[in-house]
Amino acid sequence: MNTLQRVGGRLLISDLKNNVISKEKIGIGMAYGTFGELLQGMTVESNQDFLVTFPIQNFTKVVFCPDSTPRLKVIPEFKQKSARLATEILNIFKLPPGGTICIESDLPVGKGLASSSADLVATARSIESYYGITIPLQLLQKVMKDIEPSDGVMYPEVVAFYHREVELFEKLGVLPKLTVLAIDEGGEIDTIQYNRNKKEFTIEERTQYTDLMMQLKFAFCNQDVHSIGQVATRSALLNQERLAKQSISHLLEISNNYNALGVIIAHSGTYIGILLSDDETDYKDKLEAIHVDLRNVYGEVKIFHSVSTISNAMDK
């Protein structure tokens, strides 16, 4: 039994940091998650659903260890989507089919933080790392599309992304330093099932999403945190008819009370949060006060930080 099978993913990665296992004998890949979406909808010009990512400093790490067996194993075993993607990539590049993929993630499953997409991207990067190959993004997206709709976490910056087609819509740039104080409303959302039951957008909604997309593009050009918050809030409210957040009115009230930037949600997940700008002079006071208010009502509060530089986003 090899080390991967015996100790599992978390200890393996700790061993790597201590140089217990030679880095030359494994491949390592990483991918960040996204706190739901800044915006999700459909524009007037397109018949394609799109989303805008909100990259966060929570990651999936994958270790790939080839062996002479005829098939891939994955730890934990239920993450078979990653095994499927790895098998396809190894076949495309005519590489040996056997090995073990060990996945360790800060991203909970079924909550709208792109855990599955991050698993797939990190898996592809671990194969790149081991074999010294480059998997073109278009090829990676094609393979991912055959598995499930996916977020645009293969890109280091914020992107508008056609998640059903797994295609890039537009690159928007890098986020300012932002913090999300978030609560989980509970349960899990099956992304595949959710996307099968999509509700059509009216022309009025598509017009609103077109306007919001334009507003967001200007906001990124100017690094305007208030406009970013306004777009995220409006998109969250528009999504109430599709997957309602029960706590949205209360979080909006708290946001207004503390002059925060607004709310942001996982449109097809269970998380909802309040947006803060890290550069405000009273940031720490607001962070502590909002954290207390949320904890008193909802219990556990999670804090997420944006990925705000290209170098951090691409750091593997």
Protein backbone atom coordinates (compact mmCIF):
# COMPACT_ATOMS: atom_id res chain seq x y z
CA MET A 1 0.00 0.00 0.00
CA ASN A 2 1.55 3.33 -1.02
CA THR A 3 1.77 6.46 1.13
CA LEU A 4 -1.21 8.10 -0.52
CA GLN A 5 -3.48 5.16 0.21
CA ARG A 6 -2.18 4.70 3.72
CA VAL A 7 -2.30 8.22 5.13
CA GLY A 8 -4.85 10.06 3.01
CA GLY A 9 -4.66 13.54 1.49
CA ARG A 10 -4.17 15.87 4.44
CA LEU A 11 -1.15 14.08 5.90
CA LEU A 12 0.38 13.70 2.47
CA ILE A 13 0.33 17.46 1.89
CA SER A 14 1.80 18.04 5.33
CA ASP A 15 4.54 15.54 4.47
CA LEU A 16 5.27 17.43 1.29
CA LYS A 17 5.87 20.62 3.24
CA ASN A 18 8.32 18.74 5.43
CA ASN A 19 10.04 17.23 2.38
CA VAL A 20 9.17 13.71 3.53
CA ILE A 21 8.06 12.89 0.01
CA SER A 22 10.20 14.02 -2.90
CA LYS A 23 8.49 16.71 -4.97
CA GLU A 24 10.03 15.19 -8.11
CA LYS A 25 7.83 12.13 -7.72
CA ILE A 26 4.46 13.87 -7.55
CA GLY A 27 2.46 16.56 -9.28
CA ILE A 28 0.83 19.36 -7.30
CA GLY A 29 -2.09 21.50 -8.50
CA MET A 30 -4.13 24.25 -6.86
CA ALA A 31 -7.24 26.24 -7.74
CA TYR A 32 -9.16 28.86 -5.81
CA GLY A 33 -12.88 28.90 -5.15
CA THR A 34 -15.36 31.69 -5.70
CA PHE A 35 -17.84 33.06 -3.19
CA GLY A 36 -20.92 32.54 -5.28
CA GLU A 37 -21.17 35.19 -7.95
CA LEU A 38 -21.04 38.97 -8.20
CA LEU A 39 -23.64 38.68 -10.93
CA GLN A 40 -25.52 35.84 -12.59
CA GLY A 41 -28.12 36.05 -15.32
CA MET A 42 -28.52 36.49 -19.07
CA THR A 43 -27.93 39.51 -21.31
CA VAL A 44 -30.23 40.80 -24.03
CA GLU A 45 -27.66 40.00 -26.73
CA SER A 46 -27.09 36.40 -25.71
CA ASN A 47 -29.20 33.32 -25.12
CA GLN A 48 -26.53 31.99 -22.78
CA ASP A 49 -26.59 32.07 -18.99
CA PHE A 50 -23.52 33.72 -17.51
CA LEU A 51 -21.98 34.34 -14.11
CA VAL A 52 -19.26 36.63 -12.79
CA THR A 53 -16.76 35.05 -10.41
CA PHE A 54 -15.67 36.36 -7.00
CA PRO A 55 -12.31 34.64 -6.40
CA ILE A 56 -11.58 33.91 -2.73
CA GLN A 57 -8.51 32.84 -0.79
CA ASN A 58 -9.88 29.34 -0.20
CA PHE A 59 -8.37 26.62 -2.31
CA THR A 60 -8.43 23.06 -3.48
CA LYS A 61 -5.05 21.30 -3.52
CA VAL A 62 -4.48 18.13 -5.50
CA VAL A 63 -1.53 15.75 -5.36
CA PHE A 64 -1.10 13.38 -8.32
CA CYS A 65 1.06 10.28 -7.93
CA PRO A 66 1.27 8.03 -11.02
CA ASP A 67 1.85 4.31 -10.72
CA SER A 68 1.89 1.22 -12.91
CA THR A 69 -1.74 0.21 -12.30
CA PRO A 70 -4.27 0.38 -15.17
CA ARG A 71 -6.64 2.92 -13.56
CA LEU A 72 -6.83 5.98 -11.38
CA LYS A 73 -7.84 6.07 -7.72
CA VAL A 74 -9.10 9.21 -5.98
CA ILE A 75 -9.04 10.19 -2.31
CA PRO A 76 -11.62 10.93 -1.02
CA GLU A 77 -13.35 8.26 -3.09
CA PHE A 78 -16.59 10.17 -3.71
CA LYS A 79 -14.78 12.80 -5.83
CA GLN A 80 -15.12 10.72 -8.98
CA LYS A 81 -15.54 13.76 -11.24
CA SER A 82 -11.85 14.51 -10.77
CA ALA A 83 -10.94 10.92 -11.61
CA ARG A 84 -13.05 11.16 -14.76
CA LEU A 85 -11.36 14.40 -15.84
CA ALA A 86 -7.87 13.06 -15.10
CA THR A 87 -8.55 9.85 -17.01
CA GLU A 88 -9.70 11.83 -20.06
CA ILE A 89 -6.70 14.17 -19.97
CA LEU A 90 -4.22 11.31 -19.59
CA ASN A 91 -5.87 9.56 -22.53
CA ILE A 92 -5.77 12.69 -24.72
CA PHE A 93 -2.06 13.18 -24.04
CA LYS A 94 -1.36 9.43 -24.36
CA LEU A 95 0.06 9.25 -20.84
CA PRO A 96 0.05 6.24 -18.48
CA PRO A 97 -3.47 5.73 -17.06
CA GLY A 98 -2.69 4.68 -13.49
CA GLY A 99 -2.11 6.57 -10.29
CA THR A 100 -3.71 8.21 -7.28
CA ILE A 101 -5.27 11.65 -7.01
CA CYS A 102 -5.43 13.03 -3.50
CA ILE A 103 -7.73 16.04 -2.98
CA GLU A 104 -7.66 18.41 -0.02
CA SER A 105 -10.03 21.39 -0.08
CA ASP A 106 -11.05 24.41 1.98
CA LEU A 107 -14.27 24.54 -0.06
CA PRO A 108 -17.38 22.76 1.28
CA VAL A 109 -19.42 20.72 -1.19
CA GLY A 110 -22.85 21.84 -2.42
CA LYS A 111 -22.66 25.35 -0.98
CA GLY A 112 -22.01 27.43 -4.09
CA LEU A 113 -18.28 28.06 -3.62
CA ALA A 114 -17.20 26.26 -6.83
CA SER A 115 -15.76 23.29 -4.96
CA SER A 116 -16.32 20.91 -7.86
CA SER A 117 -14.87 23.26 -10.47
CA ALA A 118 -11.83 23.92 -8.25
CA ASP A 119 -11.33 20.15 -7.83
CA LEU A 120 -11.29 19.69 -11.60
CA VAL A 121 -8.96 22.59 -12.34
CA ALA A 122 -6.55 21.63 -9.55
CA THR A 123 -6.55 18.04 -10.81
CA ALA A 124 -5.63 19.18 -14.31
CA ARG A 125 -2.86 21.37 -12.89
CA SER A 126 -1.45 18.46 -10.88
CA ILE A 127 -1.09 16.45 -14.11
CA GLU A 128 0.55 19.45 -15.79
CA SER A 129 2.92 19.71 -12.82
CA TYR A 130 3.99 16.06 -12.92
CA TYR A 131 4.41 15.62 -16.66
CA GLY A 132 5.58 19.15 -17.50
CA ILE A 133 2.81 19.63 -20.06
CA THR A 134 0.47 22.54 -20.77
CA ILE A 135 -3.24 21.81 -21.10
CA PRO A 136 -4.79 24.56 -23.26
CA LEU A 137 -7.66 26.29 -21.49
CA GLN A 138 -10.03 25.56 -24.35
CA LEU A 139 -9.25 21.85 -24.07
CA LEU A 140 -9.67 21.89 -20.28
CA GLN A 141 -13.00 23.66 -20.63
CA LYS A 142 -14.19 21.15 -23.22
CA VAL A 143 -13.37 18.21 -20.95
CA MET A 144 -15.00 19.96 -17.98
CA LYS A 145 -18.16 20.65 -19.99
CA ASP A 146 -18.58 16.92 -20.62
CA ILE A 147 -18.69 16.44 -16.84
CA GLU A 148 -20.84 19.33 -15.56
CA PRO A 149 -21.51 23.09 -15.78
CA SER A 150 -18.49 24.87 -14.30
CA ASP A 151 -17.37 28.18 -12.84
CA GLY A 152 -14.53 30.14 -14.43
CA VAL A 153 -11.97 29.38 -11.72
CA MET A 154 -9.35 28.34 -14.28
CA TYR A 155 -8.77 32.07 -14.86
CA PRO A 156 -6.69 34.07 -12.34
CA GLU A 157 -8.82 37.21 -12.49
CA VAL A 158 -12.54 37.93 -12.27
CA VAL A 159 -14.33 36.72 -15.38
CA ALA A 160 -17.80 36.66 -16.82
CA PHE A 161 -18.28 33.03 -17.76
CA TYR A 162 -20.85 30.99 -19.65
CA HIS A 163 -21.08 28.25 -17.04
CA ARG A 164 -23.38 25.89 -18.94
CA GLU A 165 -21.21 25.99 -22.05
CA VAL A 166 -17.99 26.25 -19.96
CA GLU A 167 -16.72 29.11 -22.13
CA LEU A 168 -15.20 32.50 -21.37
CA PHE A 169 -17.51 35.48 -21.84
CA GLU A 170 -15.22 38.35 -20.80
CA LYS A 171 -12.30 39.12 -18.50
CA LEU A 172 -13.07 41.93 -16.04
CA GLY A 173 -9.87 42.35 -14.05
CA VAL A 174 -8.76 42.01 -10.44
CA LEU A 175 -10.94 42.60 -7.40
CA PRO A 176 -10.18 45.29 -4.85
CA LYS A 177 -9.50 43.99 -1.34
CA LEU A 178 -12.91 42.85 -0.13
CA THR A 179 -14.20 40.76 2.76
CA VAL A 180 -17.38 38.69 2.96
CA LEU A 181 -18.97 37.89 6.32
CA ALA A 182 -21.12 34.91 5.43
CA ILE A 183 -23.70 32.54 6.81
CA ASP A 184 -24.75 29.19 5.46
CA GLU A 185 -28.52 28.72 5.25
CA GLY A 186 -28.03 24.96 5.29
CA GLY A 187 -28.46 21.95 3.05
CA GLU A 188 -26.70 21.24 -0.23
CA ILE A 189 -27.49 22.19 -3.82
CA ASP A 190 -26.88 19.65 -6.58
CA THR A 191 -25.48 21.91 -9.31
CA ILE A 192 -26.23 19.47 -12.13
CA GLN A 193 -29.85 19.04 -11.06
CA TYR A 194 -30.26 22.78 -10.44
CA ASN A 195 -29.05 23.60 -13.95
CA ARG A 196 -31.41 21.05 -15.48
CA ASN A 197 -34.38 22.91 -13.99
CA LYS A 198 -33.43 26.41 -15.04
CA LYS A 199 -36.10 29.10 -15.14
CA GLU A 200 -36.24 31.20 -18.27
CA PHE A 201 -35.30 34.88 -18.03
CA THR A 202 -37.86 37.46 -19.17
CA ILE A 203 -36.83 40.25 -21.54
CA GLU A 204 -37.18 42.69 -18.64
CA GLU A 205 -34.77 40.61 -16.53
CA ARG A 206 -32.32 40.27 -19.40
CA THR A 207 -32.35 44.04 -19.85
CA GLN A 208 -31.56 44.49 -16.17
CA TYR A 209 -28.72 41.99 -16.33
CA THR A 210 -27.30 43.74 -19.41
CA ASP A 211 -27.31 47.05 -17.52
CA LEU A 212 -25.74 45.41 -14.46
CA MET A 213 -23.00 43.87 -16.58
CA MET A 214 -22.15 47.28 -18.03
CA GLN A 215 -22.17 48.82 -14.54
CA LEU A 216 -19.86 46.10 -13.29
CA LYS A 217 -17.40 46.61 -16.16
CA PHE A 218 -17.19 50.33 -15.35
CA ALA A 219 -16.79 49.49 -11.66
CA PHE A 220 -13.78 47.30 -12.39
CA CYS A 221 -12.22 49.94 -14.62
CA ASN A 222 -12.47 52.41 -11.74
CA GLN A 223 -12.01 49.90 -8.89
CA ASP A 224 -15.27 51.30 -7.53
CA VAL A 225 -16.14 49.11 -4.56
CA HIS A 226 -19.52 50.75 -3.99
CA SER A 227 -20.69 50.00 -7.53
CA ILE A 228 -19.43 46.42 -7.21
CA GLY A 229 -21.51 46.08 -4.05
CA GLN A 230 -24.57 47.57 -5.73
CA VAL A 231 -24.37 45.11 -8.63
CA ALA A 232 -23.91 42.14 -6.29
CA THR A 233 -26.88 43.24 -4.18
CA ARG A 234 -29.16 43.77 -7.16
CA SER A 235 -28.22 40.38 -8.61
CA ALA A 236 -28.95 38.74 -5.25
CA LEU A 237 -32.41 40.31 -5.16
CA LEU A 238 -33.18 39.31 -8.75
CA ASN A 239 -32.25 35.73 -7.88
CA GLN A 240 -34.89 35.49 -5.17
CA GLU A 241 -37.41 34.11 -7.67
CA ARG A 242 -35.02 31.30 -8.58
CA LEU A 243 -33.43 30.24 -5.31
CA ALA A 244 -34.57 32.43 -2.45
CA LYS A 245 -32.33 33.26 0.51
CA GLN A 246 -34.49 33.41 3.63
CA SER A 247 -32.13 35.77 5.45
CA ILE A 248 -31.61 38.30 2.67
CA SER A 249 -33.84 41.03 4.13
CA HIS A 250 -32.12 40.83 7.51
CA LEU A 251 -28.62 40.88 6.00
CA LEU A 252 -29.57 43.87 3.86
CA GLU A 253 -30.75 45.62 7.01
CA ILE A 254 -27.46 44.91 8.78
CA SER A 255 -25.52 46.01 5.69
CA ASN A 256 -27.40 49.30 5.60
CA ASN A 257 -27.00 49.85 9.34
CA TYR A 258 -23.21 49.66 9.05
CA ASN A 259 -22.92 51.31 5.63
CA ALA A 260 -21.42 48.15 4.15
CA LEU A 261 -21.18 47.60 0.39
CA GLY A 262 -24.21 45.30 0.19
CA VAL A 263 -24.87 41.57 0.01
CA ILE A 264 -23.46 38.81 -2.18
CA ILE A 265 -24.87 35.31 -2.62
CA ALA A 266 -24.18 31.91 -4.05
CA HIS A 267 -26.91 32.04 -6.69
CA SER A 268 -27.10 28.25 -6.92
CA GLY A 269 -25.82 27.56 -3.41
CA THR A 270 -26.58 28.08 0.26
CA TYR A 271 -24.25 30.92 1.26
CA ILE A 272 -25.15 34.60 1.65
CA GLY A 273 -22.83 37.31 2.92
CA ILE A 274 -22.23 40.98 3.58
CA LEU A 275 -19.52 42.75 1.58
CA LEU A 276 -16.95 45.06 3.17
CA SER A 277 -14.06 47.03 1.69
CA ASP A 278 -10.78 46.33 3.48
CA ASP A 279 -9.56 49.84 2.67
CA GLU A 280 -12.17 51.70 4.72
CA THR A 281 -10.74 53.45 7.77
CA ASP A 282 -13.27 51.79 10.07
CA TYR A 283 -12.98 48.35 8.40
CA LYS A 284 -11.94 46.49 11.56
CA ASP A 285 -14.72 48.05 13.64
CA LYS A 286 -17.34 47.17 11.03
CA LEU A 287 -15.97 43.66 10.67
CA GLU A 288 -16.20 42.99 14.40
CA ALA A 289 -19.64 44.58 14.84
CA ILE A 290 -21.24 42.79 11.88
CA HIS A 291 -19.64 39.51 12.94
CA VAL A 292 -21.24 39.85 16.39
CA ASP A 293 -24.66 40.73 14.95
CA LEU A 294 -24.64 37.77 12.59
CA ARG A 295 -23.31 35.33 15.18
CA ASN A 296 -26.00 36.32 17.69
CA VAL A 297 -28.74 35.40 15.22
CA TYR A 298 -27.28 32.67 12.99
CA GLY A 299 -24.49 31.08 15.01
CA GLU A 300 -21.47 30.25 12.86
CA VAL A 301 -20.13 33.05 10.67
CA LYS A 302 -17.49 32.45 7.99
CA ILE A 303 -15.11 35.14 6.75
CA PHE A 304 -13.84 35.06 3.17
CA HIS A 305 -11.26 37.34 1.55
CA SER A 306 -11.03 38.21 -2.12
CA VAL A 307 -8.10 37.26 -4.32
CA SER A 308 -6.90 40.73 -5.20
CA THR A 309 -3.73 40.28 -7.24
CA ILE A 310 -3.02 38.23 -10.34
CA SER A 311 0.14 36.79 -8.78
CA ASN A 312 -1.79 35.49 -5.76
CA ALA A 313 -4.50 34.06 -7.95
CA MET A 314 -2.00 32.17 -10.07
CA ASP A 315 0.21 31.02 -7.19
CA LYS A 316 0.30 27.24 -7.32
